[in-house]
Amino acid sequence: MAAPEKVTEAMKARQWRNPKQWCLTLAQLREVLEFCITTEVYKDLKAKKGKVTMYDINEFFVKPWSAQTGCSTAVLMRREAEADAQVM
């Protein structure tokens, strides 16, 4: 995933055009989820609630990762690579 200081203007510009390209591959999605599962935040949420939902993943991981970058997590993961989503 691109660090905030590695975000380019091209990556930011993609946020305003062609939403079909705001996508992750299944392998990238799995990578994100596998990372989340290893964190203390995830473990704490699971211990307190008994489960971790995609809402939790969004609130505790996706939003903080993308905050103040001007990019979605998908664009941060794919960086300069552009490809249309195959499944929506």
Protein backbone atom coordinates (compact mmCIF):
# COMPACT_ATOMS: atom_id res chain seq x y z
CA MET A 1 0.00 0.00 0.00
CA ALA A 2 1.30 3.43 -0.86
CA ALA A 3 2.30 5.52 2.13
CA PRO A 4 0.74 9.00 2.23
CA GLU A 5 4.01 10.60 1.09
CA LYS A 6 4.06 8.27 -1.96
CA VAL A 7 0.62 9.31 -3.24
CA THR A 8 0.94 10.88 -6.67
CA GLU A 9 -1.27 13.42 -8.41
CA ALA A 10 -2.21 10.72 -10.93
CA MET A 11 -3.48 8.52 -8.09
CA LYS A 12 -5.53 11.41 -6.67
CA ALA A 13 -6.91 12.27 -10.10
CA ARG A 14 -8.16 8.71 -10.55
CA GLN A 15 -10.52 9.31 -7.63
CA TRP A 16 -12.47 11.76 -9.80
CA ARG A 17 -12.80 9.65 -12.91
CA ASN A 18 -13.68 6.13 -13.98
CA PRO A 19 -15.04 4.46 -10.83
CA LYS A 20 -14.73 1.07 -12.55
CA GLN A 21 -11.01 1.35 -11.84
CA TRP A 22 -11.38 1.79 -8.08
CA CYS A 23 -10.97 -1.90 -7.47
CA LEU A 24 -8.80 -4.49 -5.77
CA THR A 25 -7.98 -7.91 -7.04
CA LEU A 26 -9.22 -10.78 -4.89
CA ALA A 27 -5.60 -11.41 -3.89
CA GLN A 28 -5.24 -7.79 -2.74
CA LEU A 29 -8.50 -7.96 -0.77
CA ARG A 30 -7.30 -11.13 0.88
CA GLU A 31 -3.97 -9.44 1.68
CA VAL A 32 -5.80 -6.56 3.37
CA LEU A 33 -8.02 -8.87 5.41
CA GLU A 34 -5.14 -11.15 6.40
CA PHE A 35 -3.20 -8.11 7.61
CA CYS A 36 -6.16 -6.84 9.63
CA ILE A 37 -6.57 -10.19 11.36
CA THR A 38 -3.01 -10.00 12.68
CA THR A 39 -3.46 -6.66 14.43
CA GLU A 40 -4.26 -5.95 18.07
CA VAL A 41 -7.15 -3.72 16.96
CA TYR A 42 -8.82 -6.67 15.22
CA LYS A 43 -8.15 -9.01 18.15
CA ASP A 44 -9.58 -6.48 20.62
CA LEU A 45 -12.71 -5.96 18.51
CA LYS A 46 -13.25 -9.69 18.22
CA ALA A 47 -12.78 -10.20 21.96
CA LYS A 48 -15.24 -7.40 22.82
CA LYS A 49 -17.91 -8.10 20.18
CA GLY A 50 -17.40 -11.76 19.35
CA LYS A 51 -17.03 -10.87 15.66
CA VAL A 52 -15.52 -8.29 13.35
CA THR A 53 -17.70 -6.98 10.53
CA MET A 54 -16.80 -5.25 7.28
CA TYR A 55 -18.15 -2.09 8.92
CA ASP A 56 -15.44 -2.52 11.56
CA ILE A 57 -12.80 -3.12 8.89
CA ASN A 58 -13.89 0.12 7.22
CA GLU A 59 -13.98 2.16 10.45
CA PHE A 60 -10.79 0.88 12.06
CA PHE A 61 -8.59 0.17 9.05
CA VAL A 62 -9.77 1.55 5.68
CA LYS A 63 -10.68 5.05 6.85
CA PRO A 64 -7.48 5.58 8.86
CA TRP A 65 -5.32 4.24 6.00
CA SER A 66 -6.89 6.52 3.42
CA ALA A 67 -7.41 9.60 5.61
CA GLN A 68 -5.84 12.74 4.19
CA THR A 69 -4.39 10.94 1.16
CA GLY A 70 -7.10 11.86 -1.33
CA CYS A 71 -7.21 8.20 -2.38
CA SER A 72 -9.24 5.11 -1.66
CA THR A 73 -7.60 2.03 -0.23
CA ALA A 74 -8.00 0.39 -3.63
CA VAL A 75 -6.00 3.15 -5.32
CA LEU A 76 -3.42 3.08 -2.51
CA MET A 77 -3.00 -0.66 -3.06
CA ARG A 78 -2.89 -0.54 -6.85
CA ARG A 79 -0.87 2.70 -6.99
CA GLU A 80 -0.42 3.68 -10.63
CA ALA A 81 -1.86 0.44 -12.06
CA GLU A 82 -5.23 0.90 -13.71
CA ALA A 83 -7.60 -1.92 -14.56
CA ASP A 84 -11.36 -2.20 -14.88
CA ALA A 85 -13.21 -4.24 -12.28
CA GLN A 86 -14.17 -7.68 -13.54
CA VAL A 87 -16.99 -8.23 -11.01
CA MET A 88 -19.12 -5.60 -9.31
